[in-house]
Amino acid sequence: MFTEDTAKISDAVRPIAEKYGQELVGVTISSNSRGPVLRIIVGSKEGPTIGVLTSITKEFRKLADSDGMKLLPPDHQLEVSSPGIDRELREFRDFSWNEGRTLKLSVNSGEKTVNFEGELIKAGPDHIVLKTEAKELEIGYKDILKAKIKIKF
């Protein structure tokens, strides 16, 4: 399947996700030993519940199986899930959804990379505010090399 297919699928699933208070994060098509795999990733600040993911899956499958849609290949596997807590944060939406959480960042600081850990206080349009043990820092998105949620047990 090609980029046009993922665009068609994205256009079809986006309103379904929005109906359940979710944003479409991504659509990927790959394959494994059992055949084609369609992965639809949705999310929100609150995160989707299992019930919401099930509802989106059922509605999308019903739409995709309807006459004339031809969105899914035969013998496909369909996975609808959230982005996952271990995924790297990349764009404003990712950061805004995770305000209040502890992050681990690698930041470009001139000629070297500096690592920070702290609570994400605010995600603005061009920078974040991170509260470390020592102080609050404003860090521009352009300077963030890697950002992940610190998982606490």
C-alpha atoms as a PDB file:
ATOM      1  CA  MET A   1       0.000   0.000   0.000  1.00  0.00           C
ATOM      2  CA  PHE A   2       1.206   3.499  -0.742  1.00  0.00           C
ATOM      3  CA  THR A   3       1.193   6.977   0.748  1.00  0.00           C
ATOM      4  CA  GLU A   4      -2.124   7.689  -0.987  1.00  0.00           C
ATOM      5  CA  ASP A   5      -3.629   4.779   0.950  1.00  0.00           C
ATOM      6  CA  THR A   6      -2.475   6.118   4.317  1.00  0.00           C
ATOM      7  CA  ALA A   7      -3.818   9.560   3.356  1.00  0.00           C
ATOM      8  CA  LYS A   8      -7.232   8.035   2.497  1.00  0.00           C
ATOM      9  CA  ILE A   9      -7.264   6.066   5.734  1.00  0.00           C
ATOM     10  CA  SER A  10      -6.244   9.176   7.709  1.00  0.00           C
ATOM     11  CA  ASP A  11      -9.056  11.182   6.120  1.00  0.00           C
ATOM     12  CA  ALA A  12     -11.554   8.429   6.953  1.00  0.00           C
ATOM     13  CA  VAL A  13     -10.497   7.784  10.558  1.00  0.00           C
ATOM     14  CA  ARG A  14      -9.831  11.412  11.638  1.00  0.00           C
ATOM     15  CA  PRO A  15     -13.530  12.350  12.130  1.00  0.00           C
ATOM     16  CA  ILE A  16     -14.180   9.084  13.953  1.00  0.00           C
ATOM     17  CA  ALA A  17     -11.297   9.766  16.367  1.00  0.00           C
ATOM     18  CA  GLU A  18     -12.474  13.357  16.878  1.00  0.00           C
ATOM     19  CA  LYS A  19     -15.984  12.108  17.667  1.00  0.00           C
ATOM     20  CA  TYR A  20     -14.444  10.335  20.671  1.00  0.00           C
ATOM     21  CA  GLY A  21     -12.306  13.311  21.762  1.00  0.00           C
ATOM     22  CA  GLN A  22      -9.087  12.007  20.222  1.00  0.00           C
ATOM     23  CA  GLU A  23      -6.654  13.355  17.645  1.00  0.00           C
ATOM     24  CA  LEU A  24      -5.187  11.238  14.894  1.00  0.00           C
ATOM     25  CA  VAL A  25      -1.471  10.913  15.634  1.00  0.00           C
ATOM     26  CA  GLY A  26      -0.527   8.647  12.754  1.00  0.00           C
ATOM     27  CA  VAL A  27      -1.325   5.833  10.359  1.00  0.00           C
ATOM     28  CA  THR A  28       1.210   3.245   9.289  1.00  0.00           C
ATOM     29  CA  ILE A  29       0.943   0.265   7.002  1.00  0.00           C
ATOM     30  CA  SER A  30       3.422  -2.569   7.262  1.00  0.00           C
ATOM     31  CA  SER A  31       3.401  -6.325   7.050  1.00  0.00           C
ATOM     32  CA  ASN A  32       4.403  -9.308   9.091  1.00  0.00           C
ATOM     33  CA  SER A  33       4.306 -13.060   8.545  1.00  0.00           C
ATOM     34  CA  ARG A  34       0.490 -13.018   8.826  1.00  0.00           C
ATOM     35  CA  GLY A  35      -0.030 -10.295   6.197  1.00  0.00           C
ATOM     36  CA  PRO A  36      -0.677  -6.539   6.064  1.00  0.00           C
ATOM     37  CA  VAL A  37      -0.884  -4.601   9.351  1.00  0.00           C
ATOM     38  CA  LEU A  38      -2.676  -1.269   9.581  1.00  0.00           C
ATOM     39  CA  ARG A  39      -1.780   0.710  12.719  1.00  0.00           C
ATOM     40  CA  ILE A  40      -3.858   3.731  13.682  1.00  0.00           C
ATOM     41  CA  ILE A  41      -2.516   5.829  16.564  1.00  0.00           C
ATOM     42  CA  VAL A  42      -4.845   8.254  18.369  1.00  0.00           C
ATOM     43  CA  GLY A  43      -4.343  10.350  21.466  1.00  0.00           C
ATOM     44  CA  SER A  44      -5.341  13.265  23.641  1.00  0.00           C
ATOM     45  CA  LYS A  45      -4.197  14.973  26.824  1.00  0.00           C
ATOM     46  CA  GLU A  46      -6.323  12.558  28.862  1.00  0.00           C
ATOM     47  CA  GLY A  47      -5.400   9.604  26.666  1.00  0.00           C
ATOM     48  CA  PRO A  48      -7.866   7.166  25.128  1.00  0.00           C
ATOM     49  CA  THR A  49      -9.546   4.532  27.253  1.00  0.00           C
ATOM     50  CA  ILE A  50      -9.873   0.924  26.116  1.00  0.00           C
ATOM     51  CA  GLY A  51     -13.564   1.629  25.461  1.00  0.00           C
ATOM     52  CA  VAL A  52     -12.727   4.590  23.217  1.00  0.00           C
ATOM     53  CA  LEU A  53     -10.130   2.570  21.283  1.00  0.00           C
ATOM     54  CA  THR A  54     -12.674  -0.243  20.839  1.00  0.00           C
ATOM     55  CA  SER A  55     -15.340   2.177  19.602  1.00  0.00           C
ATOM     56  CA  ILE A  56     -12.961   3.808  17.110  1.00  0.00           C
ATOM     57  CA  THR A  57     -11.909   0.360  15.864  1.00  0.00           C
ATOM     58  CA  LYS A  58     -15.507  -0.799  15.382  1.00  0.00           C
ATOM     59  CA  GLU A  59     -16.618   2.389  13.620  1.00  0.00           C
ATOM     60  CA  PHE A  60     -13.588   2.479  11.354  1.00  0.00           C
ATOM     61  CA  ARG A  61     -13.940  -1.202  10.452  1.00  0.00           C
ATOM     62  CA  LYS A  62     -17.637  -0.699   9.643  1.00  0.00           C
ATOM     63  CA  LEU A  63     -16.811   2.303   7.432  1.00  0.00           C
ATOM     64  CA  ALA A  64     -13.857   0.562   5.770  1.00  0.00           C
ATOM     65  CA  ASP A  65     -15.918  -2.573   5.037  1.00  0.00           C
ATOM     66  CA  SER A  66     -18.801  -0.589   3.520  1.00  0.00           C
ATOM     67  CA  ASP A  67     -19.457  -0.795  -0.207  1.00  0.00           C
ATOM     68  CA  GLY A  68     -17.131   1.293  -2.312  1.00  0.00           C
ATOM     69  CA  MET A  69     -14.657   2.290   0.398  1.00  0.00           C
ATOM     70  CA  LYS A  70     -11.960  -0.334  -0.242  1.00  0.00           C
ATOM     71  CA  LEU A  71      -9.714   1.059   2.484  1.00  0.00           C
ATOM     72  CA  LEU A  72      -8.400  -2.214   3.839  1.00  0.00           C
ATOM     73  CA  PRO A  73      -6.570  -5.014   2.052  1.00  0.00           C
ATOM     74  CA  PRO A  74      -7.901  -8.559   2.375  1.00  0.00           C
ATOM     75  CA  ASP A  75      -6.686 -10.527   5.395  1.00  0.00           C
ATOM     76  CA  HIS A  76      -5.391  -7.398   7.148  1.00  0.00           C
ATOM     77  CA  GLN A  77      -4.708  -6.885  10.833  1.00  0.00           C
ATOM     78  CA  LEU A  78      -6.054  -3.663  12.337  1.00  0.00           C
ATOM     79  CA  GLU A  79      -4.505  -2.112  15.443  1.00  0.00           C
ATOM     80  CA  VAL A  80      -5.873   1.064  17.035  1.00  0.00           C
ATOM     81  CA  SER A  81      -3.850   2.312  19.997  1.00  0.00           C
ATOM     82  CA  SER A  82      -2.412   5.293  21.845  1.00  0.00           C
ATOM     83  CA  PRO A  83       1.093   6.610  21.136  1.00  0.00           C
ATOM     84  CA  GLY A  84       2.554   4.857  24.182  1.00  0.00           C
ATOM     85  CA  ILE A  85       4.389   6.302  27.122  1.00  0.00           C
ATOM     86  CA  ASP A  86       7.818   5.285  25.802  1.00  0.00           C
ATOM     87  CA  ARG A  87       7.494   7.241  22.550  1.00  0.00           C
ATOM     88  CA  GLU A  88       9.721  10.267  21.979  1.00  0.00           C
ATOM     89  CA  LEU A  89       7.985  13.633  22.233  1.00  0.00           C
ATOM     90  CA  ARG A  90       8.497  15.565  19.017  1.00  0.00           C
ATOM     91  CA  GLU A  91       5.978  18.328  18.483  1.00  0.00           C
ATOM     92  CA  PHE A  92       3.955  20.865  20.442  1.00  0.00           C
ATOM     93  CA  ARG A  93       0.977  18.509  20.757  1.00  0.00           C
ATOM     94  CA  ASP A  94       3.141  15.795  22.343  1.00  0.00           C
ATOM     95  CA  PHE A  95       4.496  18.222  24.919  1.00  0.00           C
ATOM     96  CA  SER A  96       1.155  19.879  25.699  1.00  0.00           C
ATOM     97  CA  TRP A  97      -0.436  16.474  26.346  1.00  0.00           C
ATOM     98  CA  ASN A  98       2.282  15.746  28.904  1.00  0.00           C
ATOM     99  CA  GLU A  99       2.296  18.895  31.007  1.00  0.00           C
ATOM    100  CA  GLY A 100       2.817  17.955  34.649  1.00  0.00           C
ATOM    101  CA  ARG A 101       4.871  14.868  33.857  1.00  0.00           C
ATOM    102  CA  THR A 102       8.573  14.365  34.460  1.00  0.00           C
ATOM    103  CA  LEU A 103      10.654  14.431  31.275  1.00  0.00           C
ATOM    104  CA  LYS A 104      14.191  13.470  30.370  1.00  0.00           C
ATOM    105  CA  LEU A 105      15.628  15.827  27.738  1.00  0.00           C
ATOM    106  CA  SER A 106      18.778  16.020  25.655  1.00  0.00           C
ATOM    107  CA  VAL A 107      19.280  19.632  24.596  1.00  0.00           C
ATOM    108  CA  ASN A 108      21.665  21.250  22.130  1.00  0.00           C
ATOM    109  CA  SER A 109      23.578  23.855  24.117  1.00  0.00           C
ATOM    110  CA  GLY A 110      25.955  25.399  21.623  1.00  0.00           C
ATOM    111  CA  GLU A 111      28.787  22.991  21.052  1.00  0.00           C
ATOM    112  CA  LYS A 112      27.637  20.288  23.453  1.00  0.00           C
ATOM    113  CA  THR A 113      24.593  18.265  24.456  1.00  0.00           C
ATOM    114  CA  VAL A 114      23.178  18.836  27.936  1.00  0.00           C
ATOM    115  CA  ASN A 115      20.778  16.437  29.660  1.00  0.00           C
ATOM    116  CA  PHE A 116      17.976  17.650  31.906  1.00  0.00           C
ATOM    117  CA  GLU A 117      15.321  15.958  33.969  1.00  0.00           C
ATOM    118  CA  GLY A 118      12.357  17.808  35.391  1.00  0.00           C
ATOM    119  CA  GLU A 119       8.657  18.505  35.446  1.00  0.00           C
ATOM    120  CA  LEU A 120       7.141  19.908  32.267  1.00  0.00           C
ATOM    121  CA  ILE A 121       5.387  23.009  33.589  1.00  0.00           C
ATOM    122  CA  LYS A 122       4.160  24.495  30.307  1.00  0.00           C
ATOM    123  CA  ALA A 123       4.306  23.772  26.594  1.00  0.00           C
ATOM    124  CA  GLY A 124       4.112  26.953  24.550  1.00  0.00           C
ATOM    125  CA  PRO A 125       4.041  27.383  20.781  1.00  0.00           C
ATOM    126  CA  ASP A 126       7.843  27.706  20.458  1.00  0.00           C
ATOM    127  CA  HIS A 127       9.298  26.543  23.787  1.00  0.00           C
ATOM    128  CA  ILE A 128       8.672  24.547  26.942  1.00  0.00           C
ATOM    129  CA  VAL A 129       9.151  25.438  30.602  1.00  0.00           C
ATOM    130  CA  LEU A 130      10.889  22.671  32.526  1.00  0.00           C
ATOM    131  CA  LYS A 131      11.251  22.771  36.329  1.00  0.00           C
ATOM    132  CA  THR A 132      14.430  21.001  37.420  1.00  0.00           C
ATOM    133  CA  GLU A 133      15.633  20.605  41.001  1.00  0.00           C
ATOM    134  CA  ALA A 134      17.766  23.734  40.578  1.00  0.00           C
ATOM    135  CA  LYS A 135      15.569  26.117  38.544  1.00  0.00           C
ATOM    136  CA  GLU A 136      12.970  26.641  35.841  1.00  0.00           C
ATOM    137  CA  LEU A 137      14.275  26.573  32.278  1.00  0.00           C
ATOM    138  CA  GLU A 138      12.781  27.823  29.032  1.00  0.00           C
ATOM    139  CA  ILE A 139      13.897  25.503  26.239  1.00  0.00           C
ATOM    140  CA  GLY A 140      13.083  26.093  22.580  1.00  0.00           C
ATOM    141  CA  TYR A 141      11.756  23.157  20.569  1.00  0.00           C
ATOM    142  CA  LYS A 142      14.533  23.744  18.031  1.00  0.00           C
ATOM    143  CA  ASP A 143      17.122  22.959  20.737  1.00  0.00           C
ATOM    144  CA  ILE A 144      15.513  19.715  21.945  1.00  0.00           C
ATOM    145  CA  LEU A 145      17.362  16.734  20.499  1.00  0.00           C
ATOM    146  CA  LYS A 146      15.475  14.043  22.398  1.00  0.00           C
ATOM    147  CA  ALA A 147      12.588  14.121  24.872  1.00  0.00           C
ATOM    148  CA  LYS A 148      10.966  11.218  26.670  1.00  0.00           C
ATOM    149  CA  ILE A 149       8.620  10.789  29.588  1.00  0.00           C
ATOM    150  CA  LYS A 150      10.341   9.456  32.685  1.00  0.00           C
ATOM    151  CA  ILE A 151       8.414   6.420  33.795  1.00  0.00           C
ATOM    152  CA  LYS A 152       7.991   6.273  37.563  1.00  0.00           C
ATOM    153  CA  PHE A 153       7.251   3.093  39.477  1.00  0.00           C
END
